Structure formats: structure tokens, C-alpha cells
PDB file of N, CA and C in Angstrom:
ATOM      1  N   MET A   1     138.903  80.371  17.147  1.00  0.00           N
ATOM      2  CA  MET A   1     139.740  80.667  18.289  1.00  0.00           C
ATOM      3  C   MET A   1     139.404  79.697  19.428  1.00  0.00           C
ATOM      4  N   SER A   2     140.424  79.145  20.065  1.00  0.00           N
ATOM      5  CA  SER A   2     140.223  78.144  21.104  1.00  0.00           C
ATOM      6  C   SER A   2     139.739  78.769  22.415  1.00  0.00           C
ATOM      7  N   VAL A   3     139.187  77.932  23.271  1.00  0.00           N
ATOM      8  CA  VAL A   3     138.732  78.380  24.589  1.00  0.00           C
ATOM      9  C   VAL A   3     139.910  78.972  25.347  1.00  0.00           C
ATOM     10  N   ASP A   4     141.071  78.307  25.299  1.00  0.00           N
ATOM     11  CA  ASP A   4     142.262  78.784  26.014  1.00  0.00           C
ATOM     12  C   ASP A   4     142.609  80.208  25.586  1.00  0.00           C
ATOM     13  N   THR A   5     142.619  80.440  24.289  1.00  0.00           N
ATOM     14  CA  THR A   5     142.994  81.749  23.750  1.00  0.00           C
ATOM     15  C   THR A   5     141.994  82.818  24.166  1.00  0.00           C
ATOM     16  N   LYS A   6     140.706  82.497  24.096  1.00  0.00           N
ATOM     17  CA  LYS A   6     139.687  83.475  24.489  1.00  0.00           C
ATOM     18  C   LYS A   6     139.761  83.786  25.978  1.00  0.00           C
ATOM     19  N   VAL A   7     139.995  82.762  26.794  1.00  0.00           N
ATOM     20  CA  VAL A   7     140.129  82.977  28.242  1.00  0.00           C
ATOM     21  C   VAL A   7     141.322  83.892  28.503  1.00  0.00           C
ATOM     22  N   LYS A   8     142.455  83.621  27.849  1.00  0.00           N
ATOM     23  CA  LYS A   8     143.647  84.462  28.023  1.00  0.00           C
ATOM     24  C   LYS A   8     143.371  85.895  27.584  1.00  0.00           C
ATOM     25  N   ASP A   9     142.670  86.065  26.468  1.00  0.00           N
ATOM     26  CA  ASP A   9     142.342  87.410  25.991  1.00  0.00           C
ATOM     27  C   ASP A   9     141.489  88.173  27.003  1.00  0.00           C
ATOM     28  N   ILE A  10     140.526  87.485  27.606  1.00  0.00           N
ATOM     29  CA  ILE A  10     139.672  88.105  28.616  1.00  0.00           C
ATOM     30  C   ILE A  10     140.508  88.533  29.823  1.00  0.00           C
ATOM     31  N   LEU A  11     141.402  87.657  30.256  1.00  0.00           N
ATOM     32  CA  LEU A  11     142.250  87.977  31.406  1.00  0.00           C
ATOM     33  C   LEU A  11     143.159  89.164  31.109  1.00  0.00           C
ATOM     34  N   LEU A  12     143.711  89.211  29.913  1.00  0.00           N
ATOM     35  CA  LEU A  12     144.570  90.333  29.531  1.00  0.00           C
ATOM     36  C   LEU A  12     143.794  91.640  29.499  1.00  0.00           C
ATOM     37  N   GLU A  13     142.551  91.558  29.064  1.00  0.00           N
ATOM     38  CA  GLU A  13     141.722  92.757  28.964  1.00  0.00           C
ATOM     39  C   GLU A  13     141.334  93.297  30.343  1.00  0.00           C
ATOM     40  N   ILE A  14     141.042  92.403  31.272  1.00  0.00           N
ATOM     41  CA  ILE A  14     140.522  92.816  32.571  1.00  0.00           C
ATOM     42  C   ILE A  14     141.629  93.081  33.598  1.00  0.00           C
ATOM     43  N   LEU A  15     142.652  92.253  33.597  1.00  0.00           N
ATOM     44  CA  LEU A  15     143.717  92.378  34.591  1.00  0.00           C
ATOM     45  C   LEU A  15     144.917  93.115  34.002  1.00  0.00           C
ATOM     46  N   ASP A  16     145.642  93.789  34.831  1.00  0.00           N
ATOM     47  CA  ASP A  16     146.836  94.514  34.397  1.00  0.00           C
ATOM     48  C   ASP A  16     148.038  93.566  34.498  1.00  0.00           C
ATOM     49  N   ILE A  17     148.112  92.639  33.524  1.00  0.00           N
ATOM     50  CA  ILE A  17     149.152  91.614  33.543  1.00  0.00           C
ATOM     51  C   ILE A  17     149.757  91.455  32.156  1.00  0.00           C
ATOM     52  N   LYS A  18     150.868  90.725  32.114  1.00  0.00           N
ATOM     53  CA  LYS A  18     151.521  90.411  30.844  1.00  0.00           C
ATOM     54  C   LYS A  18     151.068  89.033  30.382  1.00  0.00           C
ATOM     55  N   GLU A  19     151.107  88.824  29.069  1.00  0.00           N
ATOM     56  CA  GLU A  19     150.668  87.544  28.518  1.00  0.00           C
ATOM     57  C   GLU A  19     151.463  86.383  29.107  1.00  0.00           C
ATOM     58  N   GLU A  20     152.753  86.574  29.349  1.00  0.00           N
ATOM     59  CA  GLU A  20     153.571  85.484  29.885  1.00  0.00           C
ATOM     60  C   GLU A  20     153.205  85.122  31.329  1.00  0.00           C
ATOM     61  N   ASP A  21     152.451  85.990  32.012  1.00  0.00           N
ATOM     62  CA  ASP A  21     151.983  85.686  33.360  1.00  0.00           C
ATOM     63  C   ASP A  21     150.858  84.649  33.353  1.00  0.00           C
ATOM     64  N   ILE A  22     150.194  84.505  32.209  1.00  0.00           N
ATOM     65  CA  ILE A  22     149.037  83.618  32.119  1.00  0.00           C
ATOM     66  C   ILE A  22     149.492  82.214  31.754  1.00  0.00           C
ATOM     67  N   VAL A  23     149.734  81.433  32.796  1.00  0.00           N
ATOM     68  CA  VAL A  23     150.099  80.022  32.644  1.00  0.00           C
ATOM     69  C   VAL A  23     149.016  79.199  33.326  1.00  0.00           C
ATOM     70  N   PRO A  24     148.854  77.938  32.940  1.00  0.00           N
ATOM     71  CA  PRO A  24     147.763  77.133  33.505  1.00  0.00           C
ATOM     72  C   PRO A  24     147.731  77.086  35.032  1.00  0.00           C
ATOM     73  N   THR A  25     148.893  77.114  35.675  1.00  0.00           N
ATOM     74  CA  THR A  25     148.934  76.989  37.134  1.00  0.00           C
ATOM     75  C   THR A  25     148.833  78.320  37.866  1.00  0.00           C
ATOM     76  N   ALA A  26     148.781  79.428  37.130  1.00  0.00           N
ATOM     77  CA  ALA A  26     148.692  80.745  37.768  1.00  0.00           C
ATOM     78  C   ALA A  26     147.360  80.885  38.503  1.00  0.00           C
ATOM     79  N   THR A  27     147.442  81.313  39.761  1.00  0.00           N
ATOM     80  CA  THR A  27     146.214  81.541  40.528  1.00  0.00           C
ATOM     81  C   THR A  27     145.752  82.976  40.299  1.00  0.00           C
ATOM     82  N   PHE A  28     144.453  83.141  40.273  1.00  0.00           N
ATOM     83  CA  PHE A  28     143.889  84.460  39.990  1.00  0.00           C
ATOM     84  C   PHE A  28     144.293  85.496  41.025  1.00  0.00           C
ATOM     85  N   ILE A  29     144.186  85.154  42.291  1.00  0.00           N
ATOM     86  CA  ILE A  29     144.414  86.139  43.341  1.00  0.00           C
ATOM     87  C   ILE A  29     145.906  86.302  43.645  1.00  0.00           C
ATOM     88  N   ASP A  30     146.595  85.206  43.954  1.00  0.00           N
ATOM     89  CA  ASP A  30     147.995  85.309  44.368  1.00  0.00           C
ATOM     90  C   ASP A  30     148.949  85.640  43.218  1.00  0.00           C
ATOM     91  N   ASP A  31     148.779  84.985  42.077  1.00  0.00           N
ATOM     92  CA  ASP A  31     149.724  85.170  40.965  1.00  0.00           C
ATOM     93  C   ASP A  31     149.347  86.316  40.027  1.00  0.00           C
ATOM     94  N   LEU A  32     148.045  86.469  39.763  1.00  0.00           N
ATOM     95  CA  LEU A  32     147.609  87.469  38.784  1.00  0.00           C
ATOM     96  C   LEU A  32     147.075  88.741  39.442  1.00  0.00           C
ATOM     97  N   GLY A  33     146.934  88.728  40.758  1.00  0.00           N
ATOM     98  CA  GLY A  33     146.522  89.932  41.477  1.00  0.00           C
ATOM     99  C   GLY A  33     145.070  90.334  41.288  1.00  0.00           C
ATOM    100  N   ALA A  34     144.215  89.375  40.955  1.00  0.00           N
ATOM    101  CA  ALA A  34     142.799  89.691  40.748  1.00  0.00           C
ATOM    102  C   ALA A  34     142.113  89.989  42.077  1.00  0.00           C
ATOM    103  N   THR A  35     141.199  90.949  42.046  1.00  0.00           N
ATOM    104  CA  THR A  35     140.367  91.258  43.206  1.00  0.00           C
ATOM    105  C   THR A  35     139.034  90.536  43.041  1.00  0.00           C
ATOM    106  N   SER A  36     138.210  90.569  44.055  1.00  0.00           N
ATOM    107  CA  SER A  36     136.894  89.931  43.946  1.00  0.00           C
ATOM    108  C   SER A  36     136.060  90.611  42.859  1.00  0.00           C
ATOM    109  N   ILE A  37     136.224  91.905  42.710  1.00  0.00           N
ATOM    110  CA  ILE A  37     135.498  92.622  41.648  1.00  0.00           C
ATOM    111  C   ILE A  37     135.997  92.172  40.270  1.00  0.00           C
ATOM    112  N   ASP A  38     137.323  91.991  40.140  1.00  0.00           N
ATOM    113  CA  ASP A  38     137.881  91.480  38.886  1.00  0.00           C
ATOM    114  C   ASP A  38     137.299  90.113  38.554  1.00  0.00           C
ATOM    115  N   LEU A  39     137.172  89.265  39.567  1.00  0.00           N
ATOM    116  CA  LEU A  39     136.658  87.914  39.335  1.00  0.00           C
ATOM    117  C   LEU A  39     135.219  87.946  38.829  1.00  0.00           C
ATOM    118  N   VAL A  40     134.419  88.822  39.393  1.00  0.00           N
ATOM    119  CA  VAL A  40     133.036  88.962  38.918  1.00  0.00           C
ATOM    120  C   VAL A  40     133.044  89.399  37.452  1.00  0.00           C
ATOM    121  N   GLU A  41     133.887  90.360  37.141  1.00  0.00           N
ATOM    122  CA  GLU A  41     133.987  90.857  35.763  1.00  0.00           C
ATOM    123  C   GLU A  41     134.484  89.760  34.816  1.00  0.00           C
ATOM    124  N   ILE A  42     135.447  88.973  35.273  1.00  0.00           N
ATOM    125  CA  ILE A  42     135.995  87.885  34.451  1.00  0.00           C
ATOM    126  C   ILE A  42     134.916  86.853  34.154  1.00  0.00           C
ATOM    127  N   PHE A  43     134.183  86.424  35.184  1.00  0.00           N
ATOM    128  CA  PHE A  43     133.162  85.397  34.963  1.00  0.00           C
ATOM    129  C   PHE A  43     131.987  85.922  34.138  1.00  0.00           C
ATOM    130  N   THR A  44     131.666  87.186  34.289  1.00  0.00           N
ATOM    131  CA  THR A  44     130.637  87.791  33.442  1.00  0.00           C
ATOM    132  C   THR A  44     131.107  87.803  31.988  1.00  0.00           C
ATOM    133  N   ALA A  45     132.373  88.122  31.780  1.00  0.00           N
ATOM    134  CA  ALA A  45     132.932  88.113  30.426  1.00  0.00           C
ATOM    135  C   ALA A  45     132.921  86.704  29.844  1.00  0.00           C
ATOM    136  N   PHE A  46     133.227  85.688  30.663  1.00  0.00           N
ATOM    137  CA  PHE A  46     133.153  84.301  30.187  1.00  0.00           C
ATOM    138  C   PHE A  46     131.736  83.977  29.720  1.00  0.00           C
ATOM    139  N   GLU A  47     130.746  84.339  30.540  1.00  0.00           N
ATOM    140  CA  GLU A  47     129.354  84.044  30.192  1.00  0.00           C
ATOM    141  C   GLU A  47     128.950  84.743  28.897  1.00  0.00           C
ATOM    142  N   ASN A  48     129.330  86.001  28.766  1.00  0.00           N
ATOM    143  CA  ASN A  48     128.957  86.765  27.572  1.00  0.00           C
ATOM    144  C   ASN A  48     129.708  86.300  26.326  1.00  0.00           C
ATOM    145  N   THR A  49     130.988  86.032  26.461  1.00  0.00           N
ATOM    146  CA  THR A  49     131.812  85.635  25.316  1.00  0.00           C
ATOM    147  C   THR A  49     131.417  84.257  24.790  1.00  0.00           C
ATOM    148  N   PHE A  50     131.221  83.325  25.708  1.00  0.00           N
ATOM    149  CA  PHE A  50     130.945  81.944  25.316  1.00  0.00           C
ATOM    150  C   PHE A  50     129.450  81.623  25.285  1.00  0.00           C
ATOM    151  N   ASN A  51     128.621  82.594  25.671  1.00  0.00           N
ATOM    152  CA  ASN A  51     127.169  82.412  25.707  1.00  0.00           C
ATOM    153  C   ASN A  51     126.784  81.172  26.525  1.00  0.00           C
ATOM    154  N   VAL A  52     127.340  81.122  27.743  1.00  0.00           N
ATOM    155  CA  VAL A  52     127.051  80.027  28.664  1.00  0.00           C
ATOM    156  C   VAL A  52     126.652  80.613  30.010  1.00  0.00           C
ATOM    157  N   ARG A  53     126.124  79.758  30.847  1.00  0.00           N
ATOM    158  CA  ARG A  53     125.780  80.141  32.220  1.00  0.00           C
ATOM    159  C   ARG A  53     126.765  79.435  33.134  1.00  0.00           C
ATOM    160  N   ILE A  54     127.425  80.190  34.000  1.00  0.00           N
ATOM    161  CA  ILE A  54     128.385  79.604  34.927  1.00  0.00           C
ATOM    162  C   ILE A  54     127.778  79.612  36.316  1.00  0.00           C
ATOM    163  N   ASP A  55     127.648  78.438  36.881  1.00  0.00           N
ATOM    164  CA  ASP A  55     127.100  78.259  38.214  1.00  0.00           C
ATOM    165  C   ASP A  55     128.024  78.936  39.235  1.00  0.00           C
ATOM    166  N   SER A  56     127.456  79.728  40.135  1.00  0.00           N
ATOM    167  CA  SER A  56     128.280  80.477  41.085  1.00  0.00           C
ATOM    168  C   SER A  56     129.046  79.554  42.028  1.00  0.00           C
ATOM    169  N   GLN A  57     128.476  78.399  42.363  1.00  0.00           N
ATOM    170  CA  GLN A  57     129.196  77.442  43.216  1.00  0.00           C
ATOM    171  C   GLN A  57     130.418  76.901  42.492  1.00  0.00           C
ATOM    172  N   ALA A  58     130.255  76.534  41.232  1.00  0.00           N
ATOM    173  CA  ALA A  58     131.382  76.031  40.448  1.00  0.00           C
ATOM    174  C   ALA A  58     132.412  77.130  40.244  1.00  0.00           C
ATOM    175  N   GLY A  59     131.942  78.333  39.983  1.00  0.00           N
ATOM    176  CA  GLY A  59     132.845  79.470  39.797  1.00  0.00           C
ATOM    177  C   GLY A  59     133.660  79.768  41.036  1.00  0.00           C
ATOM    178  N   GLY A  60     133.067  79.543  42.191  1.00  0.00           N
ATOM    179  CA  GLY A  60     133.757  79.789  43.451  1.00  0.00           C
ATOM    180  C   GLY A  60     134.908  78.839  43.709  1.00  0.00           C
ATOM    181  N   LYS A  61     134.918  77.711  43.013  1.00  0.00           N
ATOM    182  CA  LYS A  61     135.980  76.716  43.182  1.00  0.00           C
ATOM    183  C   LYS A  61     137.165  76.976  42.245  1.00  0.00           C
ATOM    184  N   VAL A  62     137.002  77.904  41.335  1.00  0.00           N
ATOM    185  CA  VAL A  62     138.055  78.192  40.367  1.00  0.00           C
ATOM    186  C   VAL A  62     139.176  78.982  41.037  1.00  0.00           C
ATOM    187  N   LYS A  63     140.376  78.424  40.995  1.00  0.00           N
ATOM    188  CA  LYS A  63     141.540  79.075  41.615  1.00  0.00           C
ATOM    189  C   LYS A  63     142.610  79.427  40.579  1.00  0.00           C
ATOM    190  N   THR A  64     142.742  78.595  39.536  1.00  0.00           N
ATOM    191  CA  THR A  64     143.819  78.785  38.563  1.00  0.00           C
ATOM    192  C   THR A  64     143.259  79.054  37.166  1.00  0.00           C
ATOM    193  N   VAL A  65     144.142  79.462  36.287  1.00  0.00           N
ATOM    194  CA  VAL A  65     143.765  79.688  34.890  1.00  0.00           C
ATOM    195  C   VAL A  65     143.225  78.388  34.284  1.00  0.00           C
ATOM    196  N   GLN A  66     143.882  77.270  34.572  1.00  0.00           N
ATOM    197  CA  GLN A  66     143.406  75.988  34.029  1.00  0.00           C
ATOM    198  C   GLN A  66     142.031  75.637  34.566  1.00  0.00           C
ATOM    199  N   ASP A  67     141.767  75.937  35.838  1.00  0.00           N
ATOM    200  CA  ASP A  67     140.431  75.709  36.407  1.00  0.00           C
ATOM    201  C   ASP A  67     139.380  76.481  35.602  1.00  0.00           C
ATOM    202  N   ALA A  68     139.705  77.708  35.239  1.00  0.00           N
ATOM    203  CA  ALA A  68     138.762  78.547  34.487  1.00  0.00           C
ATOM    204  C   ALA A  68     138.526  77.974  33.100  1.00  0.00           C
ATOM    205  N   ILE A  69     139.593  77.545  32.443  1.00  0.00           N
ATOM    206  CA  ILE A  69     139.458  76.942  31.105  1.00  0.00           C
ATOM    207  C   ILE A  69     138.592  75.693  31.195  1.00  0.00           C
ATOM    208  N   ASP A  70     138.856  74.847  32.186  1.00  0.00           N
ATOM    209  CA  ASP A  70     138.071  73.624  32.370  1.00  0.00           C
ATOM    210  C   ASP A  70     136.605  73.937  32.641  1.00  0.00           C
ATOM    211  N   LEU A  71     136.353  74.964  33.448  1.00  0.00           N
ATOM    212  CA  LEU A  71     134.981  75.352  33.771  1.00  0.00           C
ATOM    213  C   LEU A  71     134.232  75.818  32.529  1.00  0.00           C
ATOM    214  N   VAL A  72     134.881  76.640  31.711  1.00  0.00           N
ATOM    215  CA  VAL A  72     134.245  77.126  30.483  1.00  0.00           C
ATOM    216  C   VAL A  72     133.990  75.953  29.541  1.00  0.00           C
ATOM    217  N   GLN A  73     134.961  75.057  29.394  1.00  0.00           N
ATOM    218  CA  GLN A  73     134.773  73.908  28.511  1.00  0.00           C
ATOM    219  C   GLN A  73     133.633  73.019  28.992  1.00  0.00           C
ATOM    220  N   ALA A  74     133.525  72.834  30.312  1.00  0.00           N
ATOM    221  CA  ALA A  74     132.424  72.041  30.864  1.00  0.00           C
ATOM    222  C   ALA A  74     131.082  72.723  30.610  1.00  0.00           C
ATOM    223  N   ALA A  75     131.037  74.047  30.753  1.00  0.00           N
ATOM    224  CA  ALA A  75     129.797  74.787  30.496  1.00  0.00           C
ATOM    225  C   ALA A  75     129.402  74.681  29.029  1.00  0.00           C
ATOM    226  N   LEU A  76     130.389  74.727  28.141  1.00  0.00           N
ATOM    227  CA  LEU A  76     130.102  74.588  26.705  1.00  0.00           C
ATOM    228  C   LEU A  76     129.602  73.182  26.389  1.00  0.00           C
ATOM    229  N   THR A  77     130.187  72.171  27.019  1.00  0.00           N
ATOM    230  CA  THR A  77     129.753  70.790  26.822  1.00  0.00           C
ATOM    231  C   THR A  77     128.329  70.615  27.322  1.00  0.00           C
ATOM    232  N   GLN A  78     128.049  71.162  28.500  1.00  0.00           N
ATOM    233  CA  GLN A  78     126.711  71.061  29.085  1.00  0.00           C
ATOM    234  C   GLN A  78     125.687  71.772  28.198  1.00  0.00           C
ATOM    235  N   LYS A  79     126.082  72.925  27.676  1.00  0.00           N
ATOM    236  CA  LYS A  79     125.197  73.675  26.795  1.00  0.00           C
ATOM    237  C   LYS A  79     124.889  72.866  25.536  1.00  0.00           C
ATOM    238  N   GLY A  80     125.915  72.207  24.992  1.00  0.00           N
ATOM    239  CA  GLY A  80     125.728  71.366  23.805  1.00  0.00           C
ATOM    240  C   GLY A  80     124.820  70.190  24.074  1.00  0.00           C
ATOM    241  N   ALA A  81     124.937  69.617  25.271  1.00  0.00           N
ATOM    242  CA  ALA A  81     124.096  68.479  25.646  1.00  0.00           C
ATOM    243  C   ALA A  81     122.662  68.892  25.831  1.00  0.00           C
ATOM    244  N   ALA A  82     122.438  70.139  26.241  1.00  0.00           N
ATOM    245  CA  ALA A  82     121.089  70.635  26.487  1.00  0.00           C
ATOM    246  C   ALA A  82     120.377  71.040  25.202  1.00  0.00           C
ATOM    247  N   SER A  83     121.153  71.235  24.142  1.00  0.00           N
ATOM    248  CA  SER A  83     120.551  71.682  22.876  1.00  0.00           C
ATOM    249  C   SER A  83     119.749  70.598  22.212  1.00  0.00           C
TER     250      SER A  83
END
């Protein structure tokens, strides 16, 4: 399963949204209606699902679905480089 698909699955599980709402340019707060608590839950789910550590500063810069996918992919790349 791809990173994109897993990220979308996490968003569907945590947020009360439809799959068609999850587009790369959708913003978490304005478009998907995420709260700050939802965001914490989403990033915790990313860390647990992908077994990576997400830096809180980098996480704070994430605004869109594509930003989140890119962040997870970067964390996976960094994890691979550290192995």
C-alpha cells in the first residue's frame, strides 16, 4: 500500500469527511475541518503507522494533504538513511 493511500486512510478514519474531499491541495483546517486535537491524532497515527518520528517543527508547517504525504515520505527516506 502506498504512502498516499495510507495517509488518506488515516484521514478518513480520524476526520468526518468523504474520500473525494481528500485531494492533494485540501488544507487540513479550512477544507477538511480538522481541529488542533485532530492534527495531533493524525500525526501520531502517521508516526505509528509508518514507524517514523515526525519533527514537531516540520509538522507545524504542514497545511495540505500533499504536505503531509511529502512529510511522511521524507521521514521514511530519513529513516532509511539512518539504518
